[in-house]
């Protein structure tokens, strides 16, 4: 048993011993170099703090906390405050990327709250609308039947779709037989009142671009066209062209967009004012800015 015991000299070579000794030295040094007052260790749980804890509880669970639950909430709040203050005393927040990101986000939120532009008049909104009119363009709307050909189920989905549309256009096959010869579509075989934005989410940008190139006046089968799923034949039943709205119809949206832009501009101005107070040096750049 004595032979298996660790010799005292070997203890000093153990990394864990080094770590504990270093921690003890840092703790003592910090206590000497950074004396605290009693106020530094005061945890004051105010009525406002308790009200906030209750409100958060109600938002999460929809009911008032019981006295026992409130006691747990307060205990947890005190625990968080103590651990937070100890972490600050140990400077654990120094150069911590996550802490830095959270502080940046909090300042950005505060800036947004400080910058509240005055409500714009109709003349200002009309001018904004005129400059950004394409942002308010109403998407084209299509209603159509489709036949789908899956590349996962066929050796050559494009060739099969091409052969079938030739039969449809020649009148050699009717719609029902053509449907039986195609595959089940992942988004349905009949699409009603679909705008291009929604179709882009469902079938992809390539499908929408090819759909808009079809003859919108034709009610015959057209294609093949491609999507993220595979190959499609399309028969348009209705097509409403894209159009620009009247200002009065989109005025509420224009006002929201103007206010958002005004806040962004004011936030950028505030940031540039702050930046002007700093000297910034970037590695590799010739001059500091």
C-alpha atoms as a PDB file:
ATOM      1  CA  UNK A   1       0.000   0.000   0.000  1.00  0.00           C
ATOM      2  CA  UNK A   2       2.854   2.381   0.872  1.00  0.00           C
ATOM      3  CA  UNK A   3       4.498   1.508  -2.411  1.00  0.00           C
ATOM      4  CA  UNK A   4       1.430   2.708  -4.344  1.00  0.00           C
ATOM      5  CA  UNK A   5       1.145   5.996  -2.446  1.00  0.00           C
ATOM      6  CA  UNK A   6       2.177   9.110  -4.369  1.00  0.00           C
ATOM      7  CA  UNK A   7       5.480  10.553  -3.215  1.00  0.00           C
ATOM      8  CA  UNK A   8       5.351  14.210  -1.987  1.00  0.00           C
ATOM      9  CA  UNK A   9       7.866  15.298  -4.610  1.00  0.00           C
ATOM     10  CA  UNK A  10       5.685  13.943  -7.401  1.00  0.00           C
ATOM     11  CA  UNK A  11       2.709  16.049  -6.279  1.00  0.00           C
ATOM     12  CA  UNK A  12       4.412  19.238  -7.443  1.00  0.00           C
ATOM     13  CA  UNK A  13       4.554  17.867 -10.964  1.00  0.00           C
ATOM     14  CA  UNK A  14       0.786  17.333 -11.148  1.00  0.00           C
ATOM     15  CA  UNK A  15      -1.046  19.891 -13.430  1.00  0.00           C
ATOM     16  CA  UNK A  16      -4.049  19.935 -11.076  1.00  0.00           C
ATOM     17  CA  UNK A  17      -1.862  21.077  -8.191  1.00  0.00           C
ATOM     18  CA  UNK A  18      -0.412  23.861 -10.341  1.00  0.00           C
ATOM     19  CA  UNK A  19      -3.910  24.969 -11.314  1.00  0.00           C
ATOM     20  CA  UNK A  20      -5.160  25.077  -7.717  1.00  0.00           C
ATOM     21  CA  UNK A  21      -2.113  27.009  -6.524  1.00  0.00           C
ATOM     22  CA  UNK A  22      -2.437  29.535  -9.347  1.00  0.00           C
ATOM     23  CA  UNK A  23      -6.113  30.015  -8.539  1.00  0.00           C
ATOM     24  CA  UNK A  24      -5.337  30.613  -4.872  1.00  0.00           C
ATOM     25  CA  UNK A  25      -2.674  33.176  -5.708  1.00  0.00           C
ATOM     26  CA  UNK A  26      -5.004  35.043  -8.079  1.00  0.00           C
ATOM     27  CA  UNK A  27      -7.803  35.033  -5.521  1.00  0.00           C
ATOM     28  CA  UNK A  28      -5.581  36.470  -2.776  1.00  0.00           C
ATOM     29  CA  UNK A  29      -3.999  39.016  -5.116  1.00  0.00           C
ATOM     30  CA  UNK A  30      -7.363  40.187  -6.353  1.00  0.00           C
ATOM     31  CA  UNK A  31      -8.615  40.601  -2.795  1.00  0.00           C
ATOM     32  CA  UNK A  32      -5.625  42.752  -1.930  1.00  0.00           C
ATOM     33  CA  UNK A  33      -5.536  44.856  -5.081  1.00  0.00           C
ATOM     34  CA  UNK A  34      -9.290  45.397  -5.405  1.00  0.00           C
ATOM     35  CA  UNK A  35     -10.764  46.059  -1.964  1.00  0.00           C
ATOM     36  CA  UNK A  36     -14.524  46.435  -1.900  1.00  0.00           C
ATOM     37  CA  UNK A  37     -17.024  48.354   0.125  1.00  0.00           C
ATOM     38  CA  UNK A  38     -20.145  46.870   1.669  1.00  0.00           C
ATOM     39  CA  UNK A  39     -22.180  48.492  -1.104  1.00  0.00           C
ATOM     40  CA  UNK A  40     -20.330  46.359  -3.662  1.00  0.00           C
ATOM     41  CA  UNK A  41     -22.020  43.310  -2.158  1.00  0.00           C
ATOM     42  CA  UNK A  42     -25.514  44.762  -1.735  1.00  0.00           C
ATOM     43  CA  UNK A  43     -28.290  42.909  -3.588  1.00  0.00           C
ATOM     44  CA  UNK A  44     -31.381  45.135  -3.484  1.00  0.00           C
ATOM     45  CA  UNK A  45     -34.508  43.381  -4.798  1.00  0.00           C
ATOM     46  CA  UNK A  46     -36.920  46.253  -5.385  1.00  0.00           C
ATOM     47  CA  UNK A  47     -40.681  46.244  -5.882  1.00  0.00           C
ATOM     48  CA  UNK A  48     -40.034  47.007  -9.549  1.00  0.00           C
ATOM     49  CA  UNK A  49     -37.809  43.907  -9.785  1.00  0.00           C
ATOM     50  CA  UNK A  50     -40.546  41.736  -8.260  1.00  0.00           C
ATOM     51  CA  UNK A  51     -43.208  43.182 -10.587  1.00  0.00           C
ATOM     52  CA  UNK A  52     -40.976  42.420 -13.564  1.00  0.00           C
ATOM     53  CA  UNK A  53     -40.474  38.829 -12.378  1.00  0.00           C
ATOM     54  CA  UNK A  54     -44.246  38.402 -12.025  1.00  0.00           C
ATOM     55  CA  UNK A  55     -44.930  39.883 -15.469  1.00  0.00           C
ATOM     56  CA  UNK A  56     -42.400  37.579 -17.131  1.00  0.00           C
ATOM     57  CA  UNK A  57     -43.921  34.582 -15.370  1.00  0.00           C
ATOM     58  CA  UNK A  58     -47.428  35.575 -16.514  1.00  0.00           C
ATOM     59  CA  UNK A  59     -46.290  36.042 -20.116  1.00  0.00           C
ATOM     60  CA  UNK A  60     -44.689  32.610 -20.158  1.00  0.00           C
ATOM     61  CA  UNK A  61     -47.367  30.596 -18.332  1.00  0.00           C
ATOM     62  CA  UNK A  62     -50.448  32.811 -18.495  1.00  0.00           C
ATOM     63  CA  UNK A  63     -51.131  32.746 -14.737  1.00  0.00           C
ATOM     64  CA  UNK A  64     -49.980  34.582 -11.607  1.00  0.00           C
ATOM     65  CA  UNK A  65     -47.224  32.821  -9.638  1.00  0.00           C
ATOM     66  CA  UNK A  66     -48.120  31.428  -6.235  1.00  0.00           C
ATOM     67  CA  UNK A  67     -46.285  32.743  -3.162  1.00  0.00           C
ATOM     68  CA  UNK A  68     -44.046  29.660  -3.246  1.00  0.00           C
ATOM     69  CA  UNK A  69     -43.339  30.117  -6.954  1.00  0.00           C
ATOM     70  CA  UNK A  70     -42.661  33.818  -6.417  1.00  0.00           C
ATOM     71  CA  UNK A  71     -40.188  32.897  -3.691  1.00  0.00           C
ATOM     72  CA  UNK A  72     -38.364  30.641  -6.152  1.00  0.00           C
ATOM     73  CA  UNK A  73     -38.337  33.424  -8.741  1.00  0.00           C
ATOM     74  CA  UNK A  74     -36.825  35.870  -6.254  1.00  0.00           C
ATOM     75  CA  UNK A  75     -34.248  33.304  -5.080  1.00  0.00           C
ATOM     76  CA  UNK A  76     -33.238  32.662  -8.682  1.00  0.00           C
ATOM     77  CA  UNK A  77     -33.027  36.406  -9.334  1.00  0.00           C
ATOM     78  CA  UNK A  78     -30.724  36.836  -6.315  1.00  0.00           C
ATOM     79  CA  UNK A  79     -28.613  33.881  -7.458  1.00  0.00           C
ATOM     80  CA  UNK A  80     -28.219  35.407 -10.920  1.00  0.00           C
ATOM     81  CA  UNK A  81     -27.283  38.800  -9.473  1.00  0.00           C
ATOM     82  CA  UNK A  82     -24.636  37.284  -7.195  1.00  0.00           C
ATOM     83  CA  UNK A  83     -23.090  35.154  -9.933  1.00  0.00           C
ATOM     84  CA  UNK A  84     -23.191  38.116 -12.323  1.00  0.00           C
ATOM     85  CA  UNK A  85     -21.384  40.396  -9.852  1.00  0.00           C
ATOM     86  CA  UNK A  86     -18.800  37.724  -9.071  1.00  0.00           C
ATOM     87  CA  UNK A  87     -18.210  37.188 -12.792  1.00  0.00           C
ATOM     88  CA  UNK A  88     -17.722  40.947 -13.184  1.00  0.00           C
ATOM     89  CA  UNK A  89     -15.287  41.026 -10.243  1.00  0.00           C
ATOM     90  CA  UNK A  90     -13.289  38.239 -11.902  1.00  0.00           C
ATOM     91  CA  UNK A  91     -13.464  40.217 -15.185  1.00  0.00           C
ATOM     92  CA  UNK A  92     -14.913  37.230 -17.039  1.00  0.00           C
ATOM     93  CA  UNK A  93     -16.675  39.670 -19.356  1.00  0.00           C
ATOM     94  CA  UNK A  94     -13.376  41.115 -20.576  1.00  0.00           C
ATOM     95  CA  UNK A  95     -12.844  40.389 -24.288  1.00  0.00           C
ATOM     96  CA  UNK A  96     -15.588  37.755 -24.283  1.00  0.00           C
ATOM     97  CA  UNK A  97     -17.104  37.560 -27.781  1.00  0.00           C
ATOM     98  CA  UNK A  98     -20.584  36.507 -26.624  1.00  0.00           C
ATOM     99  CA  UNK A  99     -20.758  39.217 -23.949  1.00  0.00           C
ATOM    100  CA  UNK A 100     -19.510  41.792 -26.439  1.00  0.00           C
ATOM    101  CA  UNK A 101     -22.169  40.787 -28.981  1.00  0.00           C
ATOM    102  CA  UNK A 102     -24.945  41.051 -26.404  1.00  0.00           C
ATOM    103  CA  UNK A 103     -23.785  44.510 -25.311  1.00  0.00           C
ATOM    104  CA  UNK A 104     -23.672  45.662 -28.936  1.00  0.00           C
ATOM    105  CA  UNK A 105     -27.218  44.374 -29.496  1.00  0.00           C
ATOM    106  CA  UNK A 106     -28.451  46.095 -26.351  1.00  0.00           C
ATOM    107  CA  UNK A 107     -26.955  49.434 -27.408  1.00  0.00           C
ATOM    108  CA  UNK A 108     -28.493  49.072 -30.862  1.00  0.00           C
ATOM    109  CA  UNK A 109     -31.905  48.470 -29.258  1.00  0.00           C
ATOM    110  CA  UNK A 110     -31.443  51.537 -27.069  1.00  0.00           C
ATOM    111  CA  UNK A 111     -30.507  53.644 -30.101  1.00  0.00           C
ATOM    112  CA  UNK A 112     -33.636  52.496 -31.915  1.00  0.00           C
ATOM    113  CA  UNK A 113     -35.772  53.488 -28.939  1.00  0.00           C
ATOM    114  CA  UNK A 114     -34.131  56.928 -28.777  1.00  0.00           C
ATOM    115  CA  UNK A 115     -34.668  57.661 -32.469  1.00  0.00           C
ATOM    116  CA  UNK A 116     -38.389  58.139 -33.112  1.00  0.00           C
ATOM    117  CA  UNK A 117     -38.952  60.144 -36.313  1.00  0.00           C
ATOM    118  CA  UNK A 118     -41.945  62.451 -36.544  1.00  0.00           C
ATOM    119  CA  UNK A 119     -44.853  61.221 -38.635  1.00  0.00           C
ATOM    120  CA  UNK A 120     -44.310  62.291 -42.262  1.00  0.00           C
ATOM    121  CA  UNK A 121     -46.850  64.273 -44.259  1.00  0.00           C
ATOM    122  CA  UNK A 122     -48.517  63.072 -47.463  1.00  0.00           C
ATOM    123  CA  UNK A 123     -46.085  65.053 -49.625  1.00  0.00           C
ATOM    124  CA  UNK A 124     -43.089  63.314 -48.051  1.00  0.00           C
ATOM    125  CA  UNK A 125     -44.716  59.889 -48.423  1.00  0.00           C
ATOM    126  CA  UNK A 126     -45.677  60.560 -52.040  1.00  0.00           C
ATOM    127  CA  UNK A 127     -42.087  61.513 -52.810  1.00  0.00           C
ATOM    128  CA  UNK A 128     -40.813  58.341 -51.120  1.00  0.00           C
ATOM    129  CA  UNK A 129     -43.344  56.245 -53.065  1.00  0.00           C
ATOM    130  CA  UNK A 130     -42.317  57.798 -56.380  1.00  0.00           C
ATOM    131  CA  UNK A 131     -38.654  57.010 -55.719  1.00  0.00           C
ATOM    132  CA  UNK A 132     -39.332  53.417 -54.663  1.00  0.00           C
ATOM    133  CA  UNK A 133     -42.388  52.626 -56.760  1.00  0.00           C
ATOM    134  CA  UNK A 134     -41.004  49.305 -58.045  1.00  0.00           C
ATOM    135  CA  UNK A 135     -40.848  48.025 -54.453  1.00  0.00           C
ATOM    136  CA  UNK A 136     -44.646  48.149 -54.395  1.00  0.00           C
ATOM    137  CA  UNK A 137     -45.274  46.421 -57.716  1.00  0.00           C
ATOM    138  CA  UNK A 138     -48.073  43.852 -57.460  1.00  0.00           C
ATOM    139  CA  UNK A 139     -46.863  40.430 -58.542  1.00  0.00           C
ATOM    140  CA  UNK A 140     -48.453  38.627 -61.488  1.00  0.00           C
ATOM    141  CA  UNK A 141     -51.036  36.019 -60.445  1.00  0.00           C
ATOM    142  CA  UNK A 142     -51.481  32.692 -62.222  1.00  0.00           C
ATOM    143  CA  UNK A 143     -53.978  29.841 -62.088  1.00  0.00           C
ATOM    144  CA  UNK A 144     -52.918  26.695 -63.926  1.00  0.00           C
ATOM    145  CA  UNK A 145     -53.024  22.907 -64.215  1.00  0.00           C
ATOM    146  CA  UNK A 146     -49.731  21.062 -64.252  1.00  0.00           C
ATOM    147  CA  UNK A 147     -48.349  17.639 -65.076  1.00  0.00           C
ATOM    148  CA  UNK A 148     -45.245  16.629 -63.158  1.00  0.00           C
ATOM    149  CA  UNK A 149     -42.383  14.325 -64.157  1.00  0.00           C
ATOM    150  CA  UNK A 150     -40.072  13.141 -61.394  1.00  0.00           C
ATOM    151  CA  UNK A 151     -36.368  12.680 -62.197  1.00  0.00           C
ATOM    152  CA  UNK A 152     -36.208  10.247 -59.271  1.00  0.00           C
ATOM    153  CA  UNK A 153     -38.735   7.910 -60.879  1.00  0.00           C
ATOM    154  CA  UNK A 154     -37.683   8.232 -64.527  1.00  0.00           C
ATOM    155  CA  UNK A 155     -34.471   7.704 -66.450  1.00  0.00           C
ATOM    156  CA  UNK A 156     -35.195  10.839 -68.539  1.00  0.00           C
ATOM    157  CA  UNK A 157     -37.999  13.015 -67.130  1.00  0.00           C
ATOM    158  CA  UNK A 158     -37.419  15.785 -69.706  1.00  0.00           C
ATOM    159  CA  UNK A 159     -37.743  13.408 -72.665  1.00  0.00           C
ATOM    160  CA  UNK A 160     -40.945  11.883 -71.224  1.00  0.00           C
ATOM    161  CA  UNK A 161     -42.463  15.359 -70.672  1.00  0.00           C
ATOM    162  CA  UNK A 162     -41.517  16.461 -74.192  1.00  0.00           C
ATOM    163  CA  UNK A 163     -43.078  13.352 -75.739  1.00  0.00           C
ATOM    164  CA  UNK A 164     -46.288  13.785 -73.748  1.00  0.00           C
ATOM    165  CA  UNK A 165     -46.810  17.443 -74.640  1.00  0.00           C
ATOM    166  CA  UNK A 166     -46.385  16.613 -78.302  1.00  0.00           C
ATOM    167  CA  UNK A 167     -49.204  14.089 -77.927  1.00  0.00           C
ATOM    168  CA  UNK A 168     -51.362  16.643 -76.085  1.00  0.00           C
ATOM    169  CA  UNK A 169     -50.799  19.359 -78.687  1.00  0.00           C
ATOM    170  CA  UNK A 170     -51.569  16.890 -81.502  1.00  0.00           C
ATOM    171  CA  UNK A 171     -54.799  15.820 -79.778  1.00  0.00           C
ATOM    172  CA  UNK A 172     -53.603  12.222 -79.526  1.00  0.00           C
ATOM    173  CA  UNK A 173     -54.234  12.039 -75.770  1.00  0.00           C
ATOM    174  CA  UNK A 174     -56.703  13.724 -73.429  1.00  0.00           C
ATOM    175  CA  UNK A 175     -56.034  15.423 -70.096  1.00  0.00           C
ATOM    176  CA  UNK A 176     -57.033  12.434 -67.955  1.00  0.00           C
ATOM    177  CA  UNK A 177     -54.762   9.993 -69.762  1.00  0.00           C
ATOM    178  CA  UNK A 178     -51.961  12.539 -69.690  1.00  0.00           C
ATOM    179  CA  UNK A 179     -52.419  12.888 -65.922  1.00  0.00           C
ATOM    180  CA  UNK A 180     -52.183   9.112 -65.520  1.00  0.00           C
ATOM    181  CA  UNK A 181     -48.980   9.104 -67.584  1.00  0.00           C
ATOM    182  CA  UNK A 182     -47.359  11.727 -65.308  1.00  0.00           C
ATOM    183  CA  UNK A 183     -46.234  11.528 -61.672  1.00  0.00           C
ATOM    184  CA  UNK A 184     -47.882  12.848 -58.531  1.00  0.00           C
ATOM    185  CA  UNK A 185     -46.863  16.476 -58.001  1.00  0.00           C
ATOM    186  CA  UNK A 186     -45.387  17.411 -54.602  1.00  0.00           C
ATOM    187  CA  UNK A 187     -47.371  20.688 -54.664  1.00  0.00           C
ATOM    188  CA  UNK A 188     -50.622  19.542 -56.294  1.00  0.00           C
ATOM    189  CA  UNK A 189     -51.824  19.341 -59.886  1.00  0.00           C
ATOM    190  CA  UNK A 190     -54.113  22.413 -59.788  1.00  0.00           C
ATOM    191  CA  UNK A 191     -52.721  25.794 -58.702  1.00  0.00           C
ATOM    192  CA  UNK A 192     -55.255  28.572 -58.135  1.00  0.00           C
ATOM    193  CA  UNK A 193     -54.487  32.291 -57.732  1.00  0.00           C
ATOM    194  CA  UNK A 194     -50.771  31.863 -57.137  1.00  0.00           C
ATOM    195  CA  UNK A 195     -48.607  35.006 -57.108  1.00  0.00           C
ATOM    196  CA  UNK A 196     -45.016  34.799 -58.244  1.00  0.00           C
ATOM    197  CA  UNK A 197     -43.585  35.300 -54.751  1.00  0.00           C
ATOM    198  CA  UNK A 198     -45.441  32.277 -53.415  1.00  0.00           C
ATOM    199  CA  UNK A 199     -44.562  30.171 -56.445  1.00  0.00           C
ATOM    200  CA  UNK A 200     -40.932  31.141 -55.984  1.00  0.00           C
ATOM    201  CA  UNK A 201     -41.060  29.726 -52.444  1.00  0.00           C
ATOM    202  CA  UNK A 202     -42.849  26.573 -53.574  1.00  0.00           C
ATOM    203  CA  UNK A 203     -41.171  25.726 -56.880  1.00  0.00           C
ATOM    204  CA  UNK A 204     -38.135  27.995 -57.121  1.00  0.00           C
ATOM    205  CA  UNK A 205     -36.842  30.954 -59.090  1.00  0.00           C
ATOM    206  CA  UNK A 206     -36.156  28.971 -62.297  1.00  0.00           C
ATOM    207  CA  UNK A 207     -39.762  27.751 -62.481  1.00  0.00           C
ATOM    208  CA  UNK A 208     -41.141  31.285 -62.004  1.00  0.00           C
ATOM    209  CA  UNK A 209     -38.826  32.755 -64.645  1.00  0.00           C
ATOM    210  CA  UNK A 210     -39.842  30.111 -67.204  1.00  0.00           C
ATOM    211  CA  UNK A 211     -43.535  30.403 -66.290  1.00  0.00           C
ATOM    212  CA  UNK A 212     -43.449  34.159 -66.973  1.00  0.00           C
ATOM    213  CA  UNK A 213     -41.988  33.483 -70.422  1.00  0.00           C
ATOM    214  CA  UNK A 214     -44.956  31.331 -71.479  1.00  0.00           C
ATOM    215  CA  UNK A 215     -47.729  32.711 -73.688  1.00  0.00           C
ATOM    216  CA  UNK A 216     -50.086  34.119 -71.031  1.00  0.00           C
ATOM    217  CA  UNK A 217     -52.974  34.276 -73.553  1.00  0.00           C
ATOM    218  CA  UNK A 218     -52.739  30.599 -74.502  1.00  0.00           C
ATOM    219  CA  UNK A 219     -54.898  28.026 -72.768  1.00  0.00           C
ATOM    220  CA  UNK A 220     -53.087  25.069 -74.332  1.00  0.00           C
ATOM    221  CA  UNK A 221     -50.443  22.903 -72.666  1.00  0.00           C
ATOM    222  CA  UNK A 222     -47.014  24.541 -72.623  1.00  0.00           C
ATOM    223  CA  UNK A 223     -43.533  23.546 -71.526  1.00  0.00           C
ATOM    224  CA  UNK A 224     -41.641  21.613 -70.426  1.00  0.00           C
ATOM    225  CA  UNK A 225     -40.366  23.905 -67.680  1.00  0.00           C
ATOM    226  CA  UNK A 226     -38.115  23.028 -64.751  1.00  0.00           C
ATOM    227  CA  UNK A 227     -38.447  23.396 -60.974  1.00  0.00           C
ATOM    228  CA  UNK A 228     -36.464  22.283 -57.972  1.00  0.00           C
ATOM    229  CA  UNK A 229     -38.579  19.119 -57.971  1.00  0.00           C
ATOM    230  CA  UNK A 230     -38.298  18.140 -61.620  1.00  0.00           C
ATOM    231  CA  UNK A 231     -40.062  18.802 -64.941  1.00  0.00           C
ATOM    232  CA  UNK A 232     -43.547  20.296 -65.466  1.00  0.00           C
ATOM    233  CA  UNK A 233     -46.071  20.807 -68.249  1.00  0.00           C
ATOM    234  CA  UNK A 234     -48.369  23.776 -67.639  1.00  0.00           C
ATOM    235  CA  UNK A 235     -51.820  24.792 -68.931  1.00  0.00           C
ATOM    236  CA  UNK A 236     -52.676  28.354 -67.903  1.00  0.00           C
ATOM    237  CA  UNK A 237     -56.308  28.893 -66.908  1.00  0.00           C
ATOM    238  CA  UNK A 238     -55.932  32.526 -65.856  1.00  0.00           C
ATOM    239  CA  UNK A 239     -53.180  35.129 -65.783  1.00  0.00           C
ATOM    240  CA  UNK A 240     -53.239  38.586 -64.198  1.00  0.00           C
ATOM    241  CA  UNK A 241     -50.327  40.745 -65.279  1.00  0.00           C
ATOM    242  CA  UNK A 242     -48.036  42.441 -62.804  1.00  0.00           C
ATOM    243  CA  UNK A 243     -49.057  46.042 -62.088  1.00  0.00           C
ATOM    244  CA  UNK A 244     -48.081  49.151 -60.143  1.00  0.00           C
ATOM    245  CA  UNK A 245     -50.476  50.213 -57.361  1.00  0.00           C
ATOM    246  CA  UNK A 246     -52.033  53.610 -56.751  1.00  0.00           C
ATOM    247  CA  UNK A 247     -50.334  55.526 -53.932  1.00  0.00           C
ATOM    248  CA  UNK A 248     -53.481  55.701 -51.784  1.00  0.00           C
ATOM    249  CA  UNK A 249     -53.858  51.909 -51.886  1.00  0.00           C
ATOM    250  CA  UNK A 250     -50.431  51.315 -50.332  1.00  0.00           C
ATOM    251  CA  UNK A 251     -50.075  54.482 -48.237  1.00  0.00           C
ATOM    252  CA  UNK A 252     -49.981  52.652 -44.842  1.00  0.00           C
ATOM    253  CA  UNK A 253     -47.189  50.381 -46.091  1.00  0.00           C
ATOM    254  CA  UNK A 254     -45.308  53.358 -47.555  1.00  0.00           C
ATOM    255  CA  UNK A 255     -45.478  55.125 -44.192  1.00  0.00           C
ATOM    256  CA  UNK A 256     -44.122  52.042 -42.376  1.00  0.00           C
ATOM    257  CA  UNK A 257     -41.279  51.772 -44.879  1.00  0.00           C
ATOM    258  CA  UNK A 258     -40.478  55.498 -44.615  1.00  0.00           C
ATOM    259  CA  UNK A 259     -40.338  55.310 -40.802  1.00  0.00           C
ATOM    260  CA  UNK A 260     -38.116  52.215 -40.932  1.00  0.00           C
ATOM    261  CA  UNK A 261     -35.766  53.949 -43.371  1.00  0.00           C
ATOM    262  CA  UNK A 262     -35.739  57.115 -41.264  1.00  0.00           C
ATOM    263  CA  UNK A 263     -34.748  55.107 -38.184  1.00  0.00           C
ATOM    264  CA  UNK A 264     -32.010  53.296 -40.102  1.00  0.00           C
ATOM    265  CA  UNK A 265     -30.648  56.604 -41.431  1.00  0.00           C
ATOM    266  CA  UNK A 266     -30.716  58.181 -37.962  1.00  0.00           C
ATOM    267  CA  UNK A 267     -28.990  55.123 -36.459  1.00  0.00           C
ATOM    268  CA  UNK A 268     -26.289  55.298 -39.109  1.00  0.00           C
ATOM    269  CA  UNK A 269     -25.789  59.015 -38.447  1.00  0.00           C
ATOM    270  CA  UNK A 270     -25.444  58.265 -34.730  1.00  0.00           C
ATOM    271  CA  UNK A 271     -22.899  55.525 -35.441  1.00  0.00           C
ATOM    272  CA  UNK A 272     -20.874  57.780 -37.744  1.00  0.00           C
ATOM    273  CA  UNK A 273     -20.831  60.436 -34.996  1.00  0.00           C
ATOM    274  CA  UNK A 274     -19.477  57.863 -32.548  1.00  0.00           C
ATOM    275  CA  UNK A 275     -16.968  56.533 -35.066  1.00  0.00           C
ATOM    276  CA  UNK A 276     -15.577  60.038 -35.619  1.00  0.00           C
ATOM    277  CA  UNK A 277     -14.518  60.050 -31.956  1.00  0.00           C
ATOM    278  CA  UNK A 278     -12.334  56.965 -32.386  1.00  0.00           C
ATOM    279  CA  UNK A 279      -9.078  56.300 -34.145  1.00  0.00           C
ATOM    280  CA  UNK A 280      -9.360  52.986 -35.981  1.00  0.00           C
ATOM    281  CA  UNK A 281      -6.355  51.000 -37.114  1.00  0.00           C
ATOM    282  CA  UNK A 282      -6.768  47.914 -39.317  1.00  0.00           C
ATOM    283  CA  UNK A 283      -3.870  45.540 -39.932  1.00  0.00           C
ATOM    284  CA  UNK A 284      -2.700  45.828 -43.539  1.00  0.00           C
ATOM    285  CA  UNK A 285      -4.171  49.285 -44.116  1.00  0.00           C
ATOM    286  CA  UNK A 286      -1.716  52.100 -44.745  1.00  0.00           C
ATOM    287  CA  UNK A 287      -3.423  54.727 -42.602  1.00  0.00           C
ATOM    288  CA  UNK A 288      -5.565  54.734 -39.496  1.00  0.00           C
ATOM    289  CA  UNK A 289      -9.060  56.194 -39.880  1.00  0.00           C
END
